[in-house]
Amino acid sequence: MAKDNGFEQRIRFVTLYEMYGALLTKKQRACLELYFCEDLSLGEIADELSVSRQAIHDLLKRVEQTLEHYEEILGFLQMKEANEVFVQEAQDLLKEAQKTKSTKDLAKVQKILSRLSIESR
């Protein structure tokens, strides 16, 4: 994983790993865990796995592409992010309904919850 990738890209990579990590090989998972969980450098991982630093760099790049490919096909992260927006919207509407005693807001919350229920199937 290149250093010029931003913090948000790193977070996305970790999130994709959490979602799709089980689909990776044992070696790929081990490398990622050393990199992200143990916070080892590429050189330290290379020593640990008895390969070159370049091999670890290449493996991380391939895994990142693989995880992005899984997301492109399955879209779990995109669904999760969309659902988080719906949940926040429902929470905001509930707060407003409590203040104003509006049944209109409660109907909107019910519509959002129905949408979430259908999408989670």
PDB file of N, CA and C in Angstrom:
ATOM      1  N   MET A   1       0.850  -1.180   0.000  1.00  0.00           N
ATOM      2  CA  MET A   1       0.000   0.000   0.000  1.00  0.00           C
ATOM      3  C   MET A   1       0.888   1.232   0.000  1.00  0.00           C
ATOM      4  N   ALA A   2       0.740   2.065  -0.981  1.00  0.00           N
ATOM      5  CA  ALA A   2       1.605   3.225  -1.149  1.00  0.00           C
ATOM      6  C   ALA A   2       1.357   4.271  -0.064  1.00  0.00           C
ATOM      7  N   LYS A   3       2.432   4.990   0.302  1.00  0.00           N
ATOM      8  CA  LYS A   3       2.331   5.999   1.344  1.00  0.00           C
ATOM      9  C   LYS A   3       1.527   7.211   0.893  1.00  0.00           C
ATOM     10  N   ASP A   4       1.423   7.456  -0.412  1.00  0.00           N
ATOM     11  CA  ASP A   4       0.706   8.637  -0.867  1.00  0.00           C
ATOM     12  C   ASP A   4      -0.807   8.470  -0.788  1.00  0.00           C
ATOM     13  N   ASN A   5      -1.278   7.256  -0.493  1.00  0.00           N
ATOM     14  CA  ASN A   5      -2.706   7.064  -0.257  1.00  0.00           C
ATOM     15  C   ASN A   5      -3.065   7.750   1.044  1.00  0.00           C
ATOM     16  N   GLY A   6      -4.198   8.419   1.049  1.00  0.00           N
ATOM     17  CA  GLY A   6      -4.614   9.147   2.229  1.00  0.00           C
ATOM     18  C   GLY A   6      -5.148   8.249   3.329  1.00  0.00           C
ATOM     19  N   PHE A   7      -5.379   8.877   4.449  1.00  0.00           N
ATOM     20  CA  PHE A   7      -5.916   8.181   5.613  1.00  0.00           C
ATOM     21  C   PHE A   7      -7.266   7.541   5.292  1.00  0.00           C
ATOM     22  N   GLU A   8      -8.105   8.262   4.551  1.00  0.00           N
ATOM     23  CA  GLU A   8      -9.424   7.730   4.196  1.00  0.00           C
ATOM     24  C   GLU A   8      -9.301   6.463   3.342  1.00  0.00           C
ATOM     25  N   GLN A   9      -8.316   6.449   2.439  1.00  0.00           N
ATOM     26  CA  GLN A   9      -8.095   5.261   1.608  1.00  0.00           C
ATOM     27  C   GLN A   9      -7.672   4.078   2.468  1.00  0.00           C
ATOM     28  N   ARG A  10      -6.841   4.352   3.465  1.00  0.00           N
ATOM     29  CA  ARG A  10      -6.399   3.289   4.379  1.00  0.00           C
ATOM     30  C   ARG A  10      -7.588   2.734   5.173  1.00  0.00           C
ATOM     31  N   ILE A  11      -8.448   3.631   5.638  1.00  0.00           N
ATOM     32  CA  ILE A  11      -9.648   3.209   6.368  1.00  0.00           C
ATOM     33  C   ILE A  11     -10.544   2.369   5.462  1.00  0.00           C
ATOM     34  N   ARG A  12     -10.692   2.794   4.216  1.00  0.00           N
ATOM     35  CA  ARG A  12     -11.511   2.033   3.262  1.00  0.00           C
ATOM     36  C   ARG A  12     -10.929   0.639   3.062  1.00  0.00           C
ATOM     37  N   PHE A  13      -9.614   0.551   2.919  1.00  0.00           N
ATOM     38  CA  PHE A  13      -8.932  -0.722   2.718  1.00  0.00           C
ATOM     39  C   PHE A  13      -9.180  -1.653   3.904  1.00  0.00           C
ATOM     40  N   VAL A  14      -9.054  -1.117   5.102  1.00  0.00           N
ATOM     41  CA  VAL A  14      -9.288  -1.920   6.313  1.00  0.00           C
ATOM     42  C   VAL A  14     -10.750  -2.356   6.379  1.00  0.00           C
ATOM     43  N   THR A  15     -11.654  -1.463   6.044  1.00  0.00           N
ATOM     44  CA  THR A  15     -13.080  -1.801   6.066  1.00  0.00           C
ATOM     45  C   THR A  15     -13.397  -2.898   5.055  1.00  0.00           C
ATOM     46  N   LEU A  16     -12.833  -2.777   3.859  1.00  0.00           N
ATOM     47  CA  LEU A  16     -13.028  -3.825   2.850  1.00  0.00           C
ATOM     48  C   LEU A  16     -12.449  -5.154   3.336  1.00  0.00           C
ATOM     49  N   TYR A  17     -11.309  -5.092   4.016  1.00  0.00           N
ATOM     50  CA  TYR A  17     -10.703  -6.315   4.561  1.00  0.00           C
ATOM     51  C   TYR A  17     -11.622  -6.940   5.607  1.00  0.00           C
ATOM     52  N   GLU A  18     -12.217  -6.112   6.446  1.00  0.00           N
ATOM     53  CA  GLU A  18     -13.150  -6.637   7.446  1.00  0.00           C
ATOM     54  C   GLU A  18     -14.342  -7.331   6.788  1.00  0.00           C
ATOM     55  N   MET A  19     -14.789  -6.802   5.659  1.00  0.00           N
ATOM     56  CA  MET A  19     -15.957  -7.359   4.979  1.00  0.00           C
ATOM     57  C   MET A  19     -15.626  -8.591   4.141  1.00  0.00           C
ATOM     58  N   TYR A  20     -14.511  -8.540   3.441  1.00  0.00           N
ATOM     59  CA  TYR A  20     -14.198  -9.567   2.457  1.00  0.00           C
ATOM     60  C   TYR A  20     -12.951 -10.389   2.780  1.00  0.00           C
ATOM     61  N   GLY A  21     -12.353 -10.155   3.929  1.00  0.00           N
ATOM     62  CA  GLY A  21     -11.107 -10.825   4.280  1.00  0.00           C
ATOM     63  C   GLY A  21     -11.174 -12.337   4.224  1.00  0.00           C
ATOM     64  N   ALA A  22     -12.318 -12.889   4.552  1.00  0.00           N
ATOM     65  CA  ALA A  22     -12.465 -14.350   4.537  1.00  0.00           C
ATOM     66  C   ALA A  22     -12.301 -14.928   3.133  1.00  0.00           C
ATOM     67  N   LEU A  23     -12.428 -14.094   2.111  1.00  0.00           N
ATOM     68  CA  LEU A  23     -12.293 -14.552   0.731  1.00  0.00           C
ATOM     69  C   LEU A  23     -10.834 -14.565   0.256  1.00  0.00           C
ATOM     70  N   LEU A  24      -9.945 -14.020   1.072  1.00  0.00           N
ATOM     71  CA  LEU A  24      -8.525 -13.961   0.711  1.00  0.00           C
ATOM     72  C   LEU A  24      -7.815 -15.246   1.126  1.00  0.00           C
ATOM     73  N   THR A  25      -6.629 -15.434   0.579  1.00  0.00           N
ATOM     74  CA  THR A  25      -5.832 -16.603   0.958  1.00  0.00           C
ATOM     75  C   THR A  25      -5.266 -16.404   2.362  1.00  0.00           C
ATOM     76  N   LYS A  26      -4.800 -17.490   2.937  1.00  0.00           N
ATOM     77  CA  LYS A  26      -4.208 -17.442   4.273  1.00  0.00           C
ATOM     78  C   LYS A  26      -2.992 -16.510   4.288  1.00  0.00           C
ATOM     79  N   LYS A  27      -2.160 -16.574   3.251  1.00  0.00           N
ATOM     80  CA  LYS A  27      -0.969 -15.733   3.172  1.00  0.00           C
ATOM     81  C   LYS A  27      -1.346 -14.255   3.044  1.00  0.00           C
ATOM     82  N   GLN A  28      -2.358 -13.960   2.242  1.00  0.00           N
ATOM     83  CA  GLN A  28      -2.809 -12.584   2.090  1.00  0.00           C
ATOM     84  C   GLN A  28      -3.327 -12.032   3.419  1.00  0.00           C
ATOM     85  N   ARG A  29      -4.122 -12.831   4.118  1.00  0.00           N
ATOM     86  CA  ARG A  29      -4.650 -12.399   5.420  1.00  0.00           C
ATOM     87  C   ARG A  29      -3.522 -12.180   6.417  1.00  0.00           C
ATOM     88  N   ALA A  30      -2.549 -13.097   6.443  1.00  0.00           N
ATOM     89  CA  ALA A  30      -1.420 -12.973   7.373  1.00  0.00           C
ATOM     90  C   ALA A  30      -0.654 -11.684   7.105  1.00  0.00           C
ATOM     91  N   CYS A  31      -0.401 -11.391   5.860  1.00  0.00           N
ATOM     92  CA  CYS A  31       0.335 -10.183   5.485  1.00  0.00           C
ATOM     93  C   CYS A  31      -0.436  -8.929   5.913  1.00  0.00           C
ATOM     94  N   LEU A  32      -1.724  -8.907   5.650  1.00  0.00           N
ATOM     95  CA  LEU A  32      -2.528  -7.747   6.013  1.00  0.00           C
ATOM     96  C   LEU A  32      -2.598  -7.566   7.526  1.00  0.00           C
ATOM     97  N   GLU A  33      -2.701  -8.646   8.254  1.00  0.00           N
ATOM     98  CA  GLU A  33      -2.759  -8.540   9.707  1.00  0.00           C
ATOM     99  C   GLU A  33      -1.439  -8.034  10.272  1.00  0.00           C
ATOM    100  N   LEU A  34      -0.330  -8.468   9.695  1.00  0.00           N
ATOM    101  CA  LEU A  34       0.964  -7.953  10.133  1.00  0.00           C
ATOM    102  C   LEU A  34       1.077  -6.457   9.815  1.00  0.00           C
ATOM    103  N   TYR A  35       0.575  -6.072   8.675  1.00  0.00           N
ATOM    104  CA  TYR A  35       0.674  -4.683   8.233  1.00  0.00           C
ATOM    105  C   TYR A  35      -0.254  -3.765   9.038  1.00  0.00           C
ATOM    106  N   PHE A  36      -1.517  -4.154   9.175  1.00  0.00           N
ATOM    107  CA  PHE A  36      -2.491  -3.286   9.827  1.00  0.00           C
ATOM    108  C   PHE A  36      -2.589  -3.496  11.333  1.00  0.00           C
ATOM    109  N   CYS A  37      -2.633  -4.727  11.776  1.00  0.00           N
ATOM    110  CA  CYS A  37      -2.828  -4.994  13.204  1.00  0.00           C
ATOM    111  C   CYS A  37      -1.530  -4.874  13.995  1.00  0.00           C
ATOM    112  N   GLU A  38      -0.465  -5.454  13.462  1.00  0.00           N
ATOM    113  CA  GLU A  38       0.825  -5.428  14.161  1.00  0.00           C
ATOM    114  C   GLU A  38       1.629  -4.174  13.830  1.00  0.00           C
ATOM    115  N   ASP A  39       1.170  -3.433  12.796  1.00  0.00           N
ATOM    116  CA  ASP A  39       1.807  -2.186  12.367  1.00  0.00           C
ATOM    117  C   ASP A  39       3.276  -2.382  11.991  1.00  0.00           C
ATOM    118  N   LEU A  40       3.557  -3.519  11.349  1.00  0.00           N
ATOM    119  CA  LEU A  40       4.922  -3.780  10.892  1.00  0.00           C
ATOM    120  C   LEU A  40       5.166  -3.072   9.562  1.00  0.00           C
ATOM    121  N   SER A  41       6.397  -2.721   9.312  1.00  0.00           N
ATOM    122  CA  SER A  41       6.770  -2.115   8.034  1.00  0.00           C
ATOM    123  C   SER A  41       6.835  -3.202   6.960  1.00  0.00           C
ATOM    124  N   LEU A  42       6.909  -2.769   5.719  1.00  0.00           N
ATOM    125  CA  LEU A  42       7.025  -3.737   4.625  1.00  0.00           C
ATOM    126  C   LEU A  42       8.283  -4.589   4.795  1.00  0.00           C
ATOM    127  N   GLY A  43       9.384  -3.972   5.192  1.00  0.00           N
ATOM    128  CA  GLY A  43      10.626  -4.710   5.412  1.00  0.00           C
ATOM    129  C   GLY A  43      10.509  -5.731   6.529  1.00  0.00           C
ATOM    130  N   GLU A  44       9.842  -5.356   7.612  1.00  0.00           N
ATOM    131  CA  GLU A  44       9.655  -6.283   8.732  1.00  0.00           C
ATOM    132  C   GLU A  44       8.768  -7.465   8.331  1.00  0.00           C
ATOM    133  N   ILE A  45       7.740  -7.188   7.562  1.00  0.00           N
ATOM    134  CA  ILE A  45       6.861  -8.263   7.082  1.00  0.00           C
ATOM    135  C   ILE A  45       7.636  -9.174   6.141  1.00  0.00           C
ATOM    136  N   ALA A  46       8.437  -8.580   5.274  1.00  0.00           N
ATOM    137  CA  ALA A  46       9.255  -9.359   4.337  1.00  0.00           C
ATOM    138  C   ALA A  46      10.173 -10.306   5.103  1.00  0.00           C
ATOM    139  N   ASP A  47      10.817  -9.811   6.150  1.00  0.00           N
ATOM    140  CA  ASP A  47      11.680 -10.660   6.984  1.00  0.00           C
ATOM    141  C   ASP A  47      10.875 -11.780   7.631  1.00  0.00           C
ATOM    142  N   GLU A  48       9.726 -11.428   8.153  1.00  0.00           N
ATOM    143  CA  GLU A  48       8.854 -12.396   8.842  1.00  0.00           C
ATOM    144  C   GLU A  48       8.406 -13.517   7.905  1.00  0.00           C
ATOM    145  N   LEU A  49       8.092 -13.149   6.665  1.00  0.00           N
ATOM    146  CA  LEU A  49       7.566 -14.123   5.698  1.00  0.00           C
ATOM    147  C   LEU A  49       8.638 -14.667   4.750  1.00  0.00           C
ATOM    148  N   SER A  50       9.877 -14.244   4.944  1.00  0.00           N
ATOM    149  CA  SER A  50      11.013 -14.700   4.127  1.00  0.00           C
ATOM    150  C   SER A  50      10.825 -14.428   2.633  1.00  0.00           C
ATOM    151  N   VAL A  51      10.402 -13.202   2.346  1.00  0.00           N
ATOM    152  CA  VAL A  51      10.257 -12.757   0.954  1.00  0.00           C
ATOM    153  C   VAL A  51      10.844 -11.353   0.862  1.00  0.00           C
ATOM    154  N   SER A  52      10.866 -10.800  -0.329  1.00  0.00           N
ATOM    155  CA  SER A  52      11.411  -9.455  -0.504  1.00  0.00           C
ATOM    156  C   SER A  52      10.391  -8.387  -0.099  1.00  0.00           C
ATOM    157  N   ARG A  53      10.909  -7.222   0.184  1.00  0.00           N
ATOM    158  CA  ARG A  53      10.045  -6.092   0.500  1.00  0.00           C
ATOM    159  C   ARG A  53       9.134  -5.776  -0.687  1.00  0.00           C
ATOM    160  N   GLN A  54       9.687  -5.882  -1.902  1.00  0.00           N
ATOM    161  CA  GLN A  54       8.902  -5.633  -3.114  1.00  0.00           C
ATOM    162  C   GLN A  54       7.758  -6.632  -3.239  1.00  0.00           C
ATOM    163  N   ALA A  55       8.008  -7.878  -2.855  1.00  0.00           N
ATOM    164  CA  ALA A  55       6.956  -8.900  -2.911  1.00  0.00           C
ATOM    165  C   ALA A  55       5.799  -8.526  -1.986  1.00  0.00           C
ATOM    166  N   ILE A  56       6.110  -7.993  -0.803  1.00  0.00           N
ATOM    167  CA  ILE A  56       5.063  -7.576   0.132  1.00  0.00           C
ATOM    168  C   ILE A  56       4.309  -6.382  -0.424  1.00  0.00           C
ATOM    169  N   HIS A  57       5.033  -5.427  -0.976  1.00  0.00           N
ATOM    170  CA  HIS A  57       4.390  -4.263  -1.591  1.00  0.00           C
ATOM    171  C   HIS A  57       3.433  -4.700  -2.699  1.00  0.00           C
ATOM    172  N   ASP A  58       3.912  -5.583  -3.570  1.00  0.00           N
ATOM    173  CA  ASP A  58       3.083  -6.074  -4.675  1.00  0.00           C
ATOM    174  C   ASP A  58       1.866  -6.841  -4.159  1.00  0.00           C
ATOM    175  N   LEU A  59       2.066  -7.656  -3.130  1.00  0.00           N
ATOM    176  CA  LEU A  59       0.960  -8.423  -2.556  1.00  0.00           C
ATOM    177  C   LEU A  59      -0.104  -7.484  -1.993  1.00  0.00           C
ATOM    178  N   LEU A  60       0.320  -6.454  -1.280  1.00  0.00           N
ATOM    179  CA  LEU A  60      -0.644  -5.499  -0.723  1.00  0.00           C
ATOM    180  C   LEU A  60      -1.424  -4.798  -1.832  1.00  0.00           C
ATOM    181  N   LYS A  61      -0.743  -4.435  -2.918  1.00  0.00           N
ATOM    182  CA  LYS A  61      -1.425  -3.796  -4.044  1.00  0.00           C
ATOM    183  C   LYS A  61      -2.437  -4.740  -4.690  1.00  0.00           C
ATOM    184  N   ARG A  62      -2.026  -6.001  -4.885  1.00  0.00           N
ATOM    185  CA  ARG A  62      -2.941  -6.988  -5.486  1.00  0.00           C
ATOM    186  C   ARG A  62      -4.146  -7.230  -4.583  1.00  0.00           C
ATOM    187  N   VAL A  63      -3.910  -7.313  -3.276  1.00  0.00           N
ATOM    188  CA  VAL A  63      -5.013  -7.539  -2.339  1.00  0.00           C
ATOM    189  C   VAL A  63      -5.969  -6.352  -2.356  1.00  0.00           C
ATOM    190  N   GLU A  64      -5.416  -5.153  -2.402  1.00  0.00           N
ATOM    191  CA  GLU A  64      -6.269  -3.966  -2.466  1.00  0.00           C
ATOM    192  C   GLU A  64      -7.156  -4.014  -3.717  1.00  0.00           C
ATOM    193  N   GLN A  65      -6.577  -4.385  -4.855  1.00  0.00           N
ATOM    194  CA  GLN A  65      -7.352  -4.500  -6.092  1.00  0.00           C
ATOM    195  C   GLN A  65      -8.397  -5.606  -5.977  1.00  0.00           C
ATOM    196  N   THR A  66      -8.021  -6.706  -5.351  1.00  0.00           N
ATOM    197  CA  THR A  66      -8.954  -7.821  -5.167  1.00  0.00           C
ATOM    198  C   THR A  66     -10.134  -7.405  -4.295  1.00  0.00           C
ATOM    199  N   LEU A  67      -9.842  -6.723  -3.193  1.00  0.00           N
ATOM    200  CA  LEU A  67     -10.914  -6.269  -2.301  1.00  0.00           C
ATOM    201  C   LEU A  67     -11.832  -5.276  -3.000  1.00  0.00           C
ATOM    202  N   GLU A  68     -11.252  -4.370  -3.782  1.00  0.00           N
ATOM    203  CA  GLU A  68     -12.066  -3.418  -4.548  1.00  0.00           C
ATOM    204  C   GLU A  68     -12.927  -4.156  -5.577  1.00  0.00           C
ATOM    205  N   HIS A  69     -12.378  -5.207  -6.172  1.00  0.00           N
ATOM    206  CA  HIS A  69     -13.136  -6.015  -7.138  1.00  0.00           C
ATOM    207  C   HIS A  69     -14.331  -6.691  -6.447  1.00  0.00           C
ATOM    208  N   TYR A  70     -14.099  -7.261  -5.275  1.00  0.00           N
ATOM    209  CA  TYR A  70     -15.197  -7.877  -4.521  1.00  0.00           C
ATOM    210  C   TYR A  70     -16.279  -6.841  -4.207  1.00  0.00           C
ATOM    211  N   GLU A  71     -15.857  -5.649  -3.822  1.00  0.00           N
ATOM    212  CA  GLU A  71     -16.817  -4.596  -3.513  1.00  0.00           C
ATOM    213  C   GLU A  71     -17.586  -4.190  -4.763  1.00  0.00           C
ATOM    214  N   GLU A  72     -16.894  -4.124  -5.889  1.00  0.00           N
ATOM    215  CA  GLU A  72     -17.541  -3.778  -7.151  1.00  0.00           C
ATOM    216  C   GLU A  72     -18.642  -4.787  -7.494  1.00  0.00           C
ATOM    217  N   ILE A  73     -18.358  -6.048  -7.251  1.00  0.00           N
ATOM    218  CA  ILE A  73     -19.319  -7.106  -7.579  1.00  0.00           C
ATOM    219  C   ILE A  73     -20.432  -7.208  -6.540  1.00  0.00           C
ATOM    220  N   LEU A  74     -20.058  -7.218  -5.258  1.00  0.00           N
ATOM    221  CA  LEU A  74     -21.020  -7.485  -4.192  1.00  0.00           C
ATOM    222  C   LEU A  74     -21.634  -6.223  -3.590  1.00  0.00           C
ATOM    223  N   GLY A  75     -20.868  -5.160  -3.490  1.00  0.00           N
ATOM    224  CA  GLY A  75     -21.399  -3.880  -3.023  1.00  0.00           C
ATOM    225  C   GLY A  75     -21.804  -3.795  -1.562  1.00  0.00           C
ATOM    226  N   PHE A  76     -21.228  -4.622  -0.699  1.00  0.00           N
ATOM    227  CA  PHE A  76     -21.616  -4.609   0.708  1.00  0.00           C
ATOM    228  C   PHE A  76     -21.269  -3.294   1.402  1.00  0.00           C
ATOM    229  N   LEU A  77     -20.111  -2.734   1.103  1.00  0.00           N
ATOM    230  CA  LEU A  77     -19.726  -1.470   1.730  1.00  0.00           C
ATOM    231  C   LEU A  77     -20.655  -0.347   1.283  1.00  0.00           C
ATOM    232  N   GLN A  78     -20.967  -0.326   0.020  1.00  0.00           N
ATOM    233  CA  GLN A  78     -21.884   0.692  -0.496  1.00  0.00           C
ATOM    234  C   GLN A  78     -23.253   0.569   0.174  1.00  0.00           C
ATOM    235  N   MET A  79     -23.750  -0.656   0.338  1.00  0.00           N
ATOM    236  CA  MET A  79     -25.036  -0.859   1.016  1.00  0.00           C
ATOM    237  C   MET A  79     -24.959  -0.424   2.475  1.00  0.00           C
ATOM    238  N   LYS A  80     -23.855  -0.757   3.133  1.00  0.00           N
ATOM    239  CA  LYS A  80     -23.676  -0.384   4.539  1.00  0.00           C
ATOM    240  C   LYS A  80     -23.695   1.130   4.695  1.00  0.00           C
ATOM    241  N   GLU A  81     -22.968   1.823   3.822  1.00  0.00           N
ATOM    242  CA  GLU A  81     -22.920   3.283   3.887  1.00  0.00           C
ATOM    243  C   GLU A  81     -24.300   3.901   3.610  1.00  0.00           C
ATOM    244  N   ALA A  82     -25.024   3.357   2.646  1.00  0.00           N
ATOM    245  CA  ALA A  82     -26.369   3.854   2.345  1.00  0.00           C
ATOM    246  C   ALA A  82     -27.301   3.617   3.527  1.00  0.00           C
ATOM    247  N   ASN A  83     -27.189   2.456   4.151  1.00  0.00           N
ATOM    248  CA  ASN A  83     -28.028   2.153   5.307  1.00  0.00           C
ATOM    249  C   ASN A  83     -27.727   3.080   6.483  1.00  0.00           C
ATOM    250  N   GLU A  84     -26.449   3.435   6.648  1.00  0.00           N
ATOM    251  CA  GLU A  84     -26.083   4.374   7.718  1.00  0.00           C
ATOM    252  C   GLU A  84     -26.742   5.732   7.497  1.00  0.00           C
ATOM    253  N   VAL A  85     -26.838   6.153   6.238  1.00  0.00           N
ATOM    254  CA  VAL A  85     -27.507   7.419   5.919  1.00  0.00           C
ATOM    255  C   VAL A  85     -28.989   7.317   6.257  1.00  0.00           C
ATOM    256  N   PHE A  86     -29.624   6.197   5.906  1.00  0.00           N
ATOM    257  CA  PHE A  86     -31.036   6.008   6.215  1.00  0.00           C
ATOM    258  C   PHE A  86     -31.293   5.999   7.716  1.00  0.00           C
ATOM    259  N   VAL A  87     -30.425   5.325   8.452  1.00  0.00           N
ATOM    260  CA  VAL A  87     -30.576   5.256   9.910  1.00  0.00           C
ATOM    261  C   VAL A  87     -30.450   6.653  10.518  1.00  0.00           C
ATOM    262  N   GLN A  88     -29.471   7.418  10.061  1.00  0.00           N
ATOM    263  CA  GLN A  88     -29.305   8.783  10.575  1.00  0.00           C
ATOM    264  C   GLN A  88     -30.530   9.628  10.258  1.00  0.00           C
ATOM    265  N   GLU A  89     -31.054   9.480   9.051  1.00  0.00           N
ATOM    266  CA  GLU A  89     -32.254  10.222   8.658  1.00  0.00           C
ATOM    267  C   GLU A  89     -33.431   9.846   9.552  1.00  0.00           C
ATOM    268  N   ALA A  90     -33.580   8.555   9.827  1.00  0.00           N
ATOM    269  CA  ALA A  90     -34.670   8.095  10.694  1.00  0.00           C
ATOM    270  C   ALA A  90     -34.503   8.641  12.110  1.00  0.00           C
ATOM    271  N   GLN A  91     -33.276   8.632  12.623  1.00  0.00           N
ATOM    272  CA  GLN A  91     -33.030   9.172  13.961  1.00  0.00           C
ATOM    273  C   GLN A  91     -33.365  10.657  14.031  1.00  0.00           C
ATOM    274  N   ASP A  92     -32.975  11.397  12.995  1.00  0.00           N
ATOM    275  CA  ASP A  92     -33.273  12.834  12.958  1.00  0.00           C
ATOM    276  C   ASP A  92     -34.778  13.072  12.918  1.00  0.00           C
ATOM    277  N   LEU A  93     -35.484  12.279  12.127  1.00  0.00           N
ATOM    278  CA  LEU A  93     -36.941  12.420  12.047  1.00  0.00           C
ATOM    279  C   LEU A  93     -37.608  12.077  13.373  1.00  0.00           C
ATOM    280  N   LEU A  94     -37.118  11.058  14.047  1.00  0.00           N
ATOM    281  CA  LEU A  94     -37.677  10.698  15.349  1.00  0.00           C
ATOM    282  C   LEU A  94     -37.486  11.820  16.368  1.00  0.00           C
ATOM    283  N   LYS A  95     -36.302  12.426  16.367  1.00  0.00           N
ATOM    284  CA  LYS A  95     -36.056  13.556  17.270  1.00  0.00           C
ATOM    285  C   LYS A  95     -37.029  14.696  16.984  1.00  0.00           C
ATOM    286  N   GLU A  96     -37.224  14.981  15.704  1.00  0.00           N
ATOM    287  CA  GLU A  96     -38.133  16.054  15.310  1.00  0.00           C
ATOM    288  C   GLU A  96     -39.574  15.711  15.692  1.00  0.00           C
ATOM    289  N   ALA A  97     -39.950  14.449  15.498  1.00  0.00           N
ATOM    290  CA  ALA A  97     -41.312  14.019  15.840  1.00  0.00           C
ATOM    291  C   ALA A  97     -41.554  14.131  17.342  1.00  0.00           C
ATOM    292  N   GLN A  98     -40.527  13.853  18.143  1.00  0.00           N
ATOM    293  CA  GLN A  98     -40.671  13.988  19.592  1.00  0.00           C
ATOM    294  C   GLN A  98     -40.910  15.444  19.980  1.00  0.00           C
ATOM    295  N   LYS A  99     -40.230  16.346  19.295  1.00  0.00           N
ATOM    296  CA  LYS A  99     -40.381  17.772  19.591  1.00  0.00           C
ATOM    297  C   LYS A  99     -41.746  18.294  19.158  1.00  0.00           C
ATOM    298  N   THR A 100     -42.133  17.908  17.945  1.00  0.00           N
ATOM    299  CA  THR A 100     -43.343  18.500  17.346  1.00  0.00           C
ATOM    300  C   THR A 100     -44.573  17.624  17.466  1.00  0.00           C
ATOM    301  N   LYS A 101     -44.403  16.413  17.942  1.00  0.00           N
ATOM    302  CA  LYS A 101     -45.518  15.444  18.035  1.00  0.00           C
ATOM    303  C   LYS A 101     -46.142  15.197  16.663  1.00  0.00           C
ATOM    304  N   SER A 102     -45.309  15.202  15.631  1.00  0.00           N
ATOM    305  CA  SER A 102     -45.759  15.080  14.246  1.00  0.00           C
ATOM    306  C   SER A 102     -45.867  13.615  13.833  1.00  0.00           C
ATOM    307  N   THR A 103     -47.040  13.205  13.422  1.00  0.00           N
ATOM    308  CA  THR A 103     -47.221  11.846  12.902  1.00  0.00           C
ATOM    309  C   THR A 103     -46.684  11.738  11.478  1.00  0.00           C
ATOM    310  N   LYS A 104     -46.563  12.873  10.806  1.00  0.00           N
ATOM    311  CA  LYS A 104     -45.992  12.891   9.453  1.00  0.00           C
ATOM    312  C   LYS A 104     -44.542  12.408   9.491  1.00  0.00           C
ATOM    313  N   ASP A 105     -43.762  12.894  10.481  1.00  0.00           N
ATOM    314  CA  ASP A 105     -42.382  12.453  10.627  1.00  0.00           C
ATOM    315  C   ASP A 105     -42.308  10.970  10.971  1.00  0.00           C
ATOM    316  N   LEU A 106     -43.237  10.507  11.776  1.00  0.00           N
ATOM    317  CA  LEU A 106     -43.250   9.085  12.141  1.00  0.00           C
ATOM    318  C   LEU A 106     -43.552   8.214  10.921  1.00  0.00           C
ATOM    319  N   ALA A 107     -44.398   8.688  10.038  1.00  0.00           N
ATOM    320  CA  ALA A 107     -44.687   7.952   8.803  1.00  0.00           C
ATOM    321  C   ALA A 107     -43.439   7.871   7.925  1.00  0.00           C
ATOM    322  N   LYS A 108     -42.657   8.946   7.885  1.00  0.00           N
ATOM    323  CA  LYS A 108     -41.410   8.931   7.122  1.00  0.00           C
ATOM    324  C   LYS A 108     -40.424   7.935   7.716  1.00  0.00           C
ATOM    325  N   VAL A 109     -40.366   7.882   9.053  1.00  0.00           N
ATOM    326  CA  VAL A 109     -39.476   6.928   9.720  1.00  0.00           C
ATOM    327  C   VAL A 109     -39.900   5.505   9.366  1.00  0.00           C
ATOM    328  N   GLN A 110     -41.211   5.231   9.393  1.00  0.00           N
ATOM    329  CA  GLN A 110     -41.704   3.906   9.041  1.00  0.00           C
ATOM    330  C   GLN A 110     -41.315   3.537   7.611  1.00  0.00           C
ATOM    331  N   LYS A 111     -41.381   4.498   6.701  1.00  0.00           N
ATOM    332  CA  LYS A 111     -41.002   4.261   5.304  1.00  0.00           C
ATOM    333  C   LYS A 111     -39.511   3.921   5.200  1.00  0.00           C
ATOM    334  N   ILE A 112     -38.679   4.645   5.946  1.00  0.00           N
ATOM    335  CA  ILE A 112     -37.233   4.384   5.945  1.00  0.00           C
ATOM    336  C   ILE A 112     -36.950   2.996   6.508  1.00  0.00           C
ATOM    337  N   LEU A 113     -37.597   2.659   7.609  1.00  0.00           N
ATOM    338  CA  LEU A 113     -37.375   1.348   8.224  1.00  0.00           C
ATOM    339  C   LEU A 113     -37.830   0.218   7.305  1.00  0.00           C
ATOM    340  N   SER A 114     -38.910   0.432   6.580  1.00  0.00           N
ATOM    341  CA  SER A 114     -39.370  -0.570   5.615  1.00  0.00           C
ATOM    342  C   SER A 114     -38.344  -0.755   4.504  1.00  0.00           C
ATOM    343  N   ARG A 115     -37.787   0.354   4.033  1.00  0.00           N
ATOM    344  CA  ARG A 115     -36.761   0.312   2.988  1.00  0.00           C
ATOM    345  C   ARG A 115     -35.524  -0.460   3.473  1.00  0.00           C
ATOM    346  N   LEU A 116     -35.116  -0.170   4.704  1.00  0.00           N
ATOM    347  CA  LEU A 116     -33.963  -0.872   5.273  1.00  0.00           C
ATOM    348  C   LEU A 116     -34.235  -2.363   5.430  1.00  0.00           C
ATOM    349  N   SER A 117     -35.427  -2.689   5.828  1.00  0.00           N
ATOM    350  CA  SER A 117     -35.808  -4.086   6.021  1.00  0.00           C
ATOM    351  C   SER A 117     -35.787  -4.837   4.706  1.00  0.00           C
ATOM    352  N   ILE A 118     -36.293  -4.227   3.662  1.00  0.00           N
ATOM    353  CA  ILE A 118     -36.311  -4.860   2.327  1.00  0.00           C
ATOM    354  C   ILE A 118     -34.890  -5.024   1.799  1.00  0.00           C
ATOM    355  N   GLU A 119     -34.042  -3.999   1.968  1.00  0.00           N
ATOM    356  CA  GLU A 119     -32.684  -4.033   1.445  1.00  0.00           C
ATOM    357  C   GLU A 119     -31.785  -5.025   2.191  1.00  0.00           C
ATOM    358  N   SER A 120     -32.121  -5.324   3.425  1.00  0.00           N
ATOM    359  CA  SER A 120     -31.279  -6.232   4.206  1.00  0.00           C
ATOM    360  C   SER A 120     -31.556  -7.706   3.872  1.00  0.00           C
ATOM    361  N   ARG A 121     -32.559  -7.966   3.069  1.00  0.00           N
ATOM    362  CA  ARG A 121     -32.887  -9.355   2.701  1.00  0.00           C
ATOM    363  C   ARG A 121     -32.007  -9.861   1.612  1.00  0.00           C
TER     364      ARG A 121
END
